[in-house]
Amino acid sequence: MSRLAILGGHPVRTRPFSPWPRYLPADAERLQKVLESRHWGGFPLPGKYAGEFAERFAEMHGARYGLCVANGTIALVTALQAAGVRFGDEVIVPAYTWDGTATAVLFAGGVPVFADVDPDTYCLDVDAAHKAITRRTTAIIPVHLAMRFTDMDALAELAHKHKLKIIEDCAHAHGGQYKGRGAGSIGDIGCFSFQESKLMAAGEGGFALTSDLGYFEAMQSVTNCGRASLTDQYGRRMIGSNYRMTEFQAALLIGQFEMLPELAALRSRHAALLTEALATLKGIRPLPKQPAVTRDTIYHYIFQYRPADKRVSRDLFVAALEKEGIPCDGRFYEPVYKSDLFYATPDNSPQLRIGREETMRYDMVRCPVAERAAYEEAVWLPQFLLIGEEADVHDVHAAIKKVLDNLDELAQADPSLAGVKAMGRAQRARFERQKNY
């Protein structure tokens, strides 16, 4: 057996994978036009490119209306405010997601309530969401995570029964479809992110789509400093802020939109090859196929590390795989209630205390599936591993197999190995840069 790179051997791969983000020559031309126009964003809303992109992006997902905003977290805040979430209202969110899904609820004045995730998709478990409903619950935020969708049929039935709003977090789901319906168009409002690592990137940026004109008008007002919407049929007035997207970002997104179909098809094809290969390896479980997904969206490829011999932790396995030249992460997300970035306290978020019989205690929350995913099981491979040549997929498989074949050697190695420690820091630093909204 080949000696592992983390123990001094030669890595499976030394050349880099496809660079990300990608851009087109036409992007530079559009950016130059924006520069020369001297209208770089702001008021009036929307700008030329923001309006064009919003129309095309909403249409691709099967929604009537779309609005460009500053980032994905702000898209959620805007959607929650438009949907009528008030101070102290509870909003159910999955425990296994980026912190912004929950902090958006806090910014909107609500109280995030964490529910566990499905072990086969890592998306919100609808039964767990059902158990989390109280008389204060007004909305649910399902997150379509990495490469899978929440069970939207069951969730829609639950929401209808309890008169709850559904705000879809689609930060990972650009162009994806669930039973032929576009991501974000199934619930009341859908929200997207265009942060640099996302499937469509503009450095930063976000998007909210809906087919309800009332919500759309409210979101325009919230985003545009409280001004009336363009149509103003409902005459709704909102306390607003400046959440607008710049024309530079919108100009980049035109090119991202044009590249998406080809890149999505490539990711889907290579992900299928990787799944077929990984299914033959003992100790590895690819996420089960989800028949309801009728158009793939793969922000990250996730598989589950389940070795019979538990002596090698998931984190050590990931560190060894990284040393073989495969960018990857294990603790890509933690349960939000355990995250160092989730600072919610009754002092900085008084809705956790005021008007409640008991103060919300996040230190008492436990979601076993989310904790197992975060600390023991999930391995995340970034989508840019899937947009190059087929040989890249073979390298990923070969590296995973190599580490699995040498688990015994790895188990006997000194766990304080300097390379393991350094790799953990490098992983954390890189993915903190890439994963955020």
Protein backbone atom coordinates (compact mmCIF):
# COMPACT_ATOMS: atom_id res chain seq x y z
CA MET A 1 0.00 0.00 0.00
CA SER A 2 1.14 3.55 -0.79
CA ARG A 3 2.32 5.57 2.18
CA LEU A 4 -0.07 8.38 3.01
CA ALA A 5 1.07 11.91 2.18
CA ILE A 6 0.20 13.05 5.69
CA LEU A 7 2.76 10.51 6.94
CA GLY A 8 5.46 11.53 4.48
CA GLY A 9 4.39 9.73 1.30
CA HIS A 10 3.61 11.16 -2.15
CA PRO A 11 0.15 12.69 -2.66
CA VAL A 12 -2.26 11.33 -5.26
CA ARG A 13 -2.59 14.77 -6.81
CA THR A 14 -0.26 17.75 -6.97
CA ARG A 15 -1.84 19.91 -9.69
CA PRO A 16 -4.66 22.32 -8.83
CA PHE A 17 -8.31 21.78 -9.70
CA SER A 18 -10.33 24.16 -11.86
CA PRO A 19 -10.17 27.76 -10.61
CA TRP A 20 -13.26 29.37 -9.14
CA PRO A 21 -15.02 31.71 -9.71
CA ARG A 22 -15.07 31.68 -13.50
CA TYR A 23 -15.67 34.62 -15.78
CA LEU A 24 -16.25 35.44 -19.46
CA PRO A 25 -14.55 38.01 -21.72
CA ALA A 26 -17.93 39.72 -22.04
CA ASP A 27 -17.92 40.35 -18.28
CA ALA A 28 -15.10 42.86 -18.66
CA GLU A 29 -17.05 44.65 -21.39
CA ARG A 30 -20.16 44.92 -19.23
CA LEU A 31 -18.16 46.14 -16.24
CA GLN A 32 -16.54 48.79 -18.42
CA LYS A 33 -19.96 49.94 -19.62
CA VAL A 34 -21.14 50.28 -16.03
CA LEU A 35 -18.00 52.22 -15.16
CA GLU A 36 -18.44 54.62 -18.07
CA SER A 37 -22.18 55.04 -17.44
CA ARG A 38 -21.45 56.68 -14.07
CA HIS A 39 -24.52 54.92 -12.72
CA TRP A 40 -22.98 52.28 -10.50
CA GLY A 41 -26.05 51.38 -8.47
CA GLY A 42 -28.30 52.83 -5.84
CA PHE A 43 -31.46 54.74 -6.69
CA PRO A 44 -33.52 54.36 -8.87
CA LEU A 45 -34.18 50.66 -8.27
CA PRO A 46 -33.49 48.49 -10.18
CA GLY A 47 -30.54 49.50 -12.34
CA LYS A 48 -30.23 48.35 -15.94
CA TYR A 49 -28.32 45.12 -15.31
CA ALA A 50 -29.98 44.42 -11.94
CA GLY A 51 -33.38 44.62 -13.61
CA GLU A 52 -32.35 42.41 -16.52
CA PHE A 53 -30.79 39.80 -14.28
CA ALA A 54 -33.71 39.79 -11.82
CA GLU A 55 -36.20 39.09 -14.60
CA ARG A 56 -34.15 36.26 -16.14
CA PHE A 57 -33.21 34.61 -12.84
CA ALA A 58 -36.77 34.66 -11.49
CA GLU A 59 -38.12 33.25 -14.75
CA MET A 60 -35.58 30.40 -14.73
CA HIS A 61 -36.90 29.34 -11.31
CA GLY A 62 -40.56 29.69 -12.25
CA ALA A 63 -41.31 32.80 -10.19
CA ARG A 64 -43.05 35.98 -11.35
CA TYR A 65 -40.91 38.50 -9.51
CA GLY A 66 -37.29 38.83 -8.45
CA LEU A 67 -35.23 41.38 -6.56
CA CYS A 68 -31.45 41.80 -6.32
CA VAL A 69 -30.15 42.64 -2.83
CA ALA A 70 -26.84 43.09 -1.06
CA ASN A 71 -26.25 39.50 0.10
CA GLY A 72 -27.97 36.23 0.96
CA THR A 73 -28.48 36.97 4.65
CA ILE A 74 -30.14 40.28 3.82
CA ALA A 75 -32.36 38.46 1.31
CA LEU A 76 -33.65 36.33 4.20
CA VAL A 77 -34.12 39.36 6.47
CA THR A 78 -36.05 41.16 3.73
CA ALA A 79 -38.20 38.10 3.05
CA LEU A 80 -39.02 37.60 6.74
CA GLN A 81 -40.03 41.22 7.14
CA ALA A 82 -42.16 41.11 3.99
CA ALA A 83 -43.81 37.89 5.22
CA GLY A 84 -44.89 39.65 8.40
CA VAL A 85 -42.58 38.14 11.02
CA ARG A 86 -42.88 40.33 14.10
CA PHE A 87 -40.86 40.86 17.26
CA GLY A 88 -40.85 37.64 19.27
CA ASP A 89 -42.32 35.41 16.56
CA GLU A 90 -40.67 32.01 16.30
CA VAL A 91 -39.16 30.82 13.03
CA ILE A 92 -38.08 27.18 12.64
CA VAL A 93 -34.67 26.67 11.00
CA PRO A 94 -32.53 23.55 10.49
CA ALA A 95 -29.74 23.14 13.00
CA TYR A 96 -27.21 22.15 10.30
CA THR A 97 -26.71 25.26 8.17
CA TRP A 98 -24.70 28.45 7.94
CA ASP A 99 -25.21 30.80 10.90
CA GLY A 100 -26.77 33.45 8.64
CA THR A 101 -29.96 31.44 8.28
CA ALA A 102 -30.59 31.86 12.00
CA THR A 103 -29.10 35.32 12.50
CA ALA A 104 -31.38 36.64 9.75
CA VAL A 105 -34.31 35.66 11.98
CA LEU A 106 -32.76 37.62 14.86
CA PHE A 107 -32.20 40.67 12.63
CA ALA A 108 -35.89 40.53 11.64
CA GLY A 109 -36.88 40.49 15.32
CA GLY A 110 -37.80 36.82 15.42
CA VAL A 111 -36.63 33.90 17.53
CA PRO A 112 -34.88 31.07 15.67
CA VAL A 113 -35.98 27.61 16.83
CA PHE A 114 -33.68 24.79 15.75
CA ALA A 115 -34.97 21.49 14.37
CA ASP A 116 -32.89 18.47 13.43
CA VAL A 117 -32.09 17.37 9.89
CA ASP A 118 -32.79 14.28 7.81
CA PRO A 119 -29.90 11.75 7.95
CA ASP A 120 -30.12 11.07 4.20
CA THR A 121 -30.23 14.66 2.94
CA TYR A 122 -28.98 16.82 5.86
CA CYS A 123 -31.91 19.12 5.06
CA LEU A 124 -34.63 20.05 7.55
CA ASP A 125 -36.45 17.01 8.94
CA VAL A 126 -40.15 17.78 8.55
CA ASP A 127 -41.15 15.62 11.53
CA ALA A 128 -38.65 17.49 13.70
CA ALA A 129 -40.03 20.78 12.41
CA HIS A 130 -43.54 19.63 13.31
CA LYS A 131 -42.47 18.94 16.89
CA ALA A 132 -40.90 22.41 17.12
CA ILE A 133 -44.13 24.29 16.32
CA THR A 134 -45.62 26.38 19.13
CA ARG A 135 -48.31 29.03 19.29
CA ARG A 136 -45.59 31.59 18.52
CA THR A 137 -44.41 29.95 15.28
CA THR A 138 -45.10 32.02 12.16
CA ALA A 139 -42.61 30.76 9.57
CA ILE A 140 -40.23 27.98 8.58
CA ILE A 141 -36.95 28.34 6.68
CA PRO A 142 -36.00 25.12 4.88
CA VAL A 143 -32.41 25.09 3.61
CA HIS A 144 -31.72 23.16 0.41
CA LEU A 145 -28.29 22.02 1.49
CA ALA A 146 -25.26 21.32 -0.72
CA MET A 147 -26.86 18.86 -3.19
CA ARG A 148 -30.26 17.94 -1.76
CA PHE A 149 -33.69 19.51 -1.21
CA THR A 150 -35.94 19.60 1.83
CA ASP A 151 -39.05 17.41 1.43
CA MET A 152 -41.15 20.32 0.18
CA ASP A 153 -44.36 18.32 -0.29
CA ALA A 154 -44.49 17.35 3.36
CA LEU A 155 -43.32 20.78 4.48
CA ALA A 156 -45.96 22.58 2.40
CA GLU A 157 -48.65 20.37 3.92
CA LEU A 158 -47.37 21.12 7.42
CA ALA A 159 -47.19 24.86 6.75
CA HIS A 160 -50.69 24.95 5.31
CA LYS A 161 -52.11 23.09 8.30
CA HIS A 162 -50.54 25.51 10.79
CA LYS A 163 -50.82 28.67 8.64
CA LEU A 164 -47.05 29.18 8.48
CA LYS A 165 -45.00 31.03 5.86
CA ILE A 166 -42.22 29.18 4.03
CA ILE A 167 -39.04 31.13 3.22
CA GLU A 168 -36.74 28.89 1.19
CA ASP A 169 -33.00 29.32 1.78
CA CYS A 170 -31.58 28.49 -1.66
CA ALA A 171 -28.02 29.73 -1.15
CA HIS A 172 -26.79 26.36 -2.49
CA ALA A 173 -29.53 25.73 -5.04
CA HIS A 174 -29.10 28.01 -8.06
CA GLY A 175 -30.98 26.50 -11.01
CA GLY A 176 -32.09 23.40 -9.08
CA GLN A 177 -35.54 21.87 -9.43
CA TYR A 178 -37.72 19.84 -7.08
CA LYS A 179 -40.37 17.84 -8.97
CA GLY A 180 -40.05 20.23 -11.89
CA ARG A 181 -40.41 23.37 -9.77
CA GLY A 182 -37.53 25.78 -9.42
CA ALA A 183 -35.76 26.28 -6.12
CA GLY A 184 -37.31 29.16 -4.24
CA SER A 185 -40.60 29.10 -6.13
CA ILE A 186 -42.25 26.39 -4.00
CA GLY A 187 -42.67 28.32 -0.75
CA ASP A 188 -43.79 31.91 -0.28
CA ILE A 189 -40.38 33.50 -0.94
CA GLY A 190 -37.03 32.06 -2.04
CA CYS A 191 -33.63 33.54 -1.17
CA PHE A 192 -30.25 33.08 -2.86
CA SER A 193 -26.63 34.09 -2.29
CA PHE A 194 -24.00 35.14 -4.82
CA GLN A 195 -21.05 35.12 -2.42
CA GLU A 196 -17.75 34.16 -4.06
CA SER A 197 -17.92 30.40 -3.46
CA LYS A 198 -21.52 29.98 -4.62
CA LEU A 199 -22.68 28.37 -7.89
CA MET A 200 -23.18 31.88 -9.27
CA ALA A 201 -20.72 34.39 -7.86
CA ALA A 202 -20.49 38.17 -7.80
CA GLY A 203 -18.16 38.53 -4.83
CA GLU A 204 -21.21 39.28 -2.70
CA GLY A 205 -24.87 39.70 -3.50
CA GLY A 206 -28.24 38.11 -2.88
CA PHE A 207 -31.65 37.59 -4.42
CA ALA A 208 -35.26 37.16 -3.34
CA LEU A 209 -37.95 35.75 -5.62
CA THR A 210 -41.70 35.26 -5.24
CA SER A 211 -44.89 34.99 -7.23
CA ASP A 212 -46.85 37.09 -4.73
CA LEU A 213 -46.99 40.77 -5.71
CA GLY A 214 -47.70 41.84 -2.14
CA TYR A 215 -44.49 40.25 -0.90
CA PHE A 216 -42.56 41.65 -3.85
CA GLU A 217 -43.74 45.19 -3.21
CA ALA A 218 -42.90 44.91 0.48
CA MET A 219 -39.40 43.60 -0.28
CA GLN A 220 -38.76 46.47 -2.69
CA SER A 221 -39.72 48.93 0.02
CA VAL A 222 -37.56 47.27 2.68
CA THR A 223 -34.59 47.14 0.27
CA ASN A 224 -34.95 50.67 -1.08
CA CYS A 225 -34.91 52.80 2.08
CA GLY A 226 -38.67 52.46 2.66
CA ARG A 227 -39.70 53.97 -0.67
CA ALA A 228 -42.91 52.78 -2.28
CA SER A 229 -42.51 49.90 -4.73
CA LEU A 230 -42.63 50.44 -8.48
CA THR A 231 -46.20 49.15 -8.75
CA ASP A 232 -47.51 50.00 -5.25
CA GLN A 233 -50.81 48.19 -5.77
CA TYR A 234 -51.02 47.21 -2.10
CA GLY A 235 -49.84 50.53 -0.70
CA ARG A 236 -47.83 48.75 1.97
CA ARG A 237 -45.29 50.90 3.81
CA MET A 238 -42.26 49.31 5.47
CA ILE A 239 -39.37 50.58 7.54
CA GLY A 240 -36.56 50.18 5.04
CA SER A 241 -32.83 50.32 4.70
CA ASN A 242 -30.36 50.36 1.82
CA TYR A 243 -30.02 46.70 0.85
CA ARG A 244 -29.53 47.36 -2.87
CA MET A 245 -27.11 45.51 -5.13
CA THR A 246 -24.58 47.48 -7.18
CA GLU A 247 -24.62 47.49 -10.98
CA PHE A 248 -21.10 46.03 -11.00
CA GLN A 249 -22.34 42.92 -9.22
CA ALA A 250 -25.39 42.66 -11.48
CA ALA A 251 -23.21 42.97 -14.58
CA LEU A 252 -21.10 40.03 -13.39
CA LEU A 253 -24.22 37.98 -12.71
CA ILE A 254 -25.36 38.23 -16.33
CA GLY A 255 -22.28 36.20 -17.30
CA GLN A 256 -22.75 33.83 -14.36
CA PHE A 257 -26.30 33.17 -15.54
CA GLU A 258 -25.08 32.36 -19.04
CA MET A 259 -22.47 29.89 -17.75
CA LEU A 260 -24.74 28.12 -15.26
CA PRO A 261 -26.43 25.52 -17.53
CA GLU A 262 -23.19 24.10 -18.91
CA LEU A 263 -21.46 24.03 -15.54
CA ALA A 264 -24.52 22.52 -13.84
CA ALA A 265 -24.64 19.71 -16.40
CA LEU A 266 -20.93 19.05 -15.87
CA ARG A 267 -21.32 18.92 -12.09
CA SER A 268 -24.27 16.58 -12.39
CA ARG A 269 -22.47 14.18 -14.73
CA HIS A 270 -19.27 14.09 -12.67
CA ALA A 271 -21.18 13.79 -9.38
CA ALA A 272 -22.94 10.70 -10.76
CA LEU A 273 -19.56 9.19 -11.69
CA LEU A 274 -18.17 9.92 -8.25
CA THR A 275 -21.21 8.42 -6.53
CA GLU A 276 -20.88 5.25 -8.58
CA ALA A 277 -17.20 4.96 -7.65
CA LEU A 278 -17.64 5.72 -3.95
CA ALA A 279 -20.46 3.21 -3.61
CA THR A 280 -17.87 0.44 -4.03
CA LEU A 281 -15.78 1.59 -1.04
CA LYS A 282 -16.34 0.16 2.42
CA GLY A 283 -16.65 2.83 5.06
CA ILE A 284 -18.08 5.41 2.68
CA ARG A 285 -21.77 6.14 2.10
CA PRO A 286 -22.75 8.54 -0.69
CA LEU A 287 -25.95 10.43 0.10
CA PRO A 288 -28.88 8.38 -1.24
CA LYS A 289 -30.40 9.56 -4.50
CA GLN A 290 -33.36 11.90 -4.05
CA PRO A 291 -35.85 11.15 -6.88
CA ALA A 292 -37.74 14.39 -6.20
CA VAL A 293 -34.73 16.39 -7.45
CA THR A 294 -35.47 16.78 -11.15
CA ARG A 295 -32.57 19.14 -11.85
CA ASP A 296 -29.38 18.78 -9.83
CA THR A 297 -27.83 21.61 -7.94
CA ILE A 298 -24.46 20.75 -6.42
CA TYR A 299 -22.82 23.46 -4.34
CA HIS A 300 -20.76 20.81 -2.56
CA TYR A 301 -20.63 17.06 -3.00
CA ILE A 302 -21.22 15.39 0.37
CA PHE A 303 -20.53 11.82 1.39
CA GLN A 304 -20.66 10.15 4.78
CA TYR A 305 -17.61 8.68 6.49
CA ARG A 306 -18.72 5.50 8.27
CA PRO A 307 -15.76 3.19 8.86
CA ALA A 308 -16.15 -0.07 10.75
CA ASP A 309 -12.97 0.77 12.65
CA LYS A 310 -13.65 3.97 14.61
CA ARG A 311 -10.02 4.59 15.59
CA VAL A 312 -9.57 7.18 12.83
CA SER A 313 -11.86 10.15 13.33
CA ARG A 314 -13.60 11.93 10.50
CA ASP A 315 -11.43 14.98 11.10
CA LEU A 316 -8.23 12.95 10.78
CA PHE A 317 -9.58 11.24 7.67
CA VAL A 318 -10.31 14.66 6.14
CA ALA A 319 -6.86 15.95 7.04
CA ALA A 320 -5.28 12.92 5.34
CA LEU A 321 -7.46 13.37 2.26
CA GLU A 322 -6.52 17.05 2.05
CA LYS A 323 -2.83 16.11 2.13
CA GLU A 324 -3.47 13.84 -0.86
CA GLY A 325 -4.28 16.99 -2.84
CA ILE A 326 -8.08 16.94 -2.53
CA PRO A 327 -9.67 20.12 -1.14
CA CYS A 328 -12.26 19.03 1.41
CA ASP A 329 -13.71 19.80 4.80
CA GLY A 330 -15.47 18.00 7.62
CA ARG A 331 -16.59 20.80 9.91
CA PHE A 332 -17.89 22.91 7.05
CA TYR A 333 -20.91 23.62 9.22
CA GLU A 334 -21.51 23.06 12.90
CA PRO A 335 -24.95 22.98 14.49
CA VAL A 336 -25.66 26.69 14.63
CA TYR A 337 -26.46 26.59 18.34
CA LYS A 338 -22.87 25.38 18.95
CA SER A 339 -21.18 27.78 16.52
CA ASP A 340 -18.68 30.36 17.77
CA LEU A 341 -20.34 32.88 15.43
CA PHE A 342 -23.85 32.51 16.87
CA TYR A 343 -23.71 35.09 19.66
CA ALA A 344 -27.44 35.27 20.42
CA THR A 345 -28.11 36.20 24.04
CA PRO A 346 -31.05 37.89 25.79
CA ASP A 347 -28.86 40.99 26.09
CA ASN A 348 -28.19 41.46 22.36
CA SER A 349 -31.44 39.82 21.21
CA PRO A 350 -34.13 40.78 23.75
CA GLN A 351 -36.81 38.86 21.85
CA LEU A 352 -35.28 35.73 23.39
CA ARG A 353 -36.60 36.91 26.75
CA ILE A 354 -39.28 39.59 26.44
CA GLY A 355 -42.84 38.30 26.38
CA ARG A 356 -41.83 34.68 26.87
CA GLU A 357 -42.66 32.41 29.78
CA GLU A 358 -39.06 31.13 29.68
CA THR A 359 -35.96 32.67 28.13
CA MET A 360 -34.77 30.83 25.04
CA ARG A 361 -31.75 28.73 26.02
CA TYR A 362 -29.69 27.64 23.01
CA ASP A 363 -27.18 25.91 25.26
CA MET A 364 -29.93 23.38 26.02
CA VAL A 365 -30.65 22.50 22.37
CA ARG A 366 -29.63 19.07 21.06
CA CYS A 367 -30.08 17.85 17.49
CA PRO A 368 -28.34 14.45 17.24
CA VAL A 369 -28.30 14.07 13.46
CA ALA A 370 -26.89 17.57 12.94
CA GLU A 371 -24.21 16.93 15.59
CA ARG A 372 -23.26 13.60 14.04
CA ALA A 373 -22.97 15.22 10.62
CA ALA A 374 -20.87 18.08 11.93
CA TYR A 375 -18.46 16.18 14.15
CA GLU A 376 -18.36 12.57 12.99
CA GLU A 377 -19.70 11.86 9.54
CA ALA A 378 -20.07 14.49 6.78
CA VAL A 379 -17.28 15.16 4.29
CA TRP A 380 -17.72 18.17 1.98
CA LEU A 381 -16.04 18.39 -1.44
CA PRO A 382 -16.29 21.82 -3.15
CA GLN A 383 -18.13 21.98 -6.46
CA PHE A 384 -15.08 23.12 -8.44
CA LEU A 385 -13.71 19.57 -8.17
CA LEU A 386 -16.49 18.59 -10.58
CA ILE A 387 -16.16 21.20 -13.34
CA GLY A 388 -12.86 20.09 -14.87
CA GLU A 389 -11.93 16.86 -16.59
CA GLU A 390 -13.24 13.39 -15.82
CA ALA A 391 -9.71 12.56 -14.67
CA ASP A 392 -10.28 14.92 -11.73
CA VAL A 393 -13.10 12.69 -10.50
CA HIS A 394 -10.85 9.63 -10.76
CA ASP A 395 -8.22 11.42 -8.66
CA VAL A 396 -10.79 12.22 -5.97
CA HIS A 397 -11.87 8.58 -5.86
CA ALA A 398 -8.27 7.33 -5.85
CA ALA A 399 -7.33 9.60 -2.96
CA ILE A 400 -10.34 8.56 -0.87
CA LYS A 401 -9.59 4.91 -1.55
CA LYS A 402 -5.93 5.40 -0.64
CA VAL A 403 -6.79 6.89 2.73
CA LEU A 404 -9.33 4.16 3.43
CA ASP A 405 -6.81 1.48 2.51
CA ASN A 406 -4.34 2.95 4.99
CA LEU A 407 -6.61 3.63 7.95
CA ASP A 408 -4.73 1.14 10.09
CA GLU A 409 -1.45 2.96 9.48
CA LEU A 410 -3.16 6.29 10.16
CA ALA A 411 -4.70 4.97 13.39
CA GLN A 412 -1.27 4.03 14.70
CA ALA A 413 0.29 7.40 13.88
CA ASP A 414 0.92 10.02 16.52
CA PRO A 415 -2.37 12.01 16.77
CA SER A 416 -0.42 15.16 17.65
CA LEU A 417 1.31 15.01 14.26
CA ALA A 418 2.22 18.57 13.30
CA GLY A 419 0.96 18.13 9.77
CA VAL A 420 -2.50 17.18 11.01
CA LYS A 421 -2.68 20.25 13.21
CA ALA A 422 -1.50 22.56 10.46
CA MET A 423 -3.93 21.06 7.97
CA GLY A 424 -6.81 21.65 10.33
CA ARG A 425 -5.92 25.33 10.55
CA ALA A 426 -5.51 25.63 6.78
CA GLN A 427 -8.87 23.99 6.13
CA ARG A 428 -10.60 26.27 8.57
CA ALA A 429 -9.04 29.42 7.14
CA ARG A 430 -9.81 28.51 3.53
CA PHE A 431 -13.40 27.51 4.11
CA GLU A 432 -14.15 30.50 6.35
CA ARG A 433 -13.24 32.57 3.28
CA GLN A 434 -15.38 30.50 0.92
CA LYS A 435 -18.47 29.29 2.71
CA ASN A 436 -20.12 32.46 4.03
CA TYR A 437 -23.10 34.18 2.48
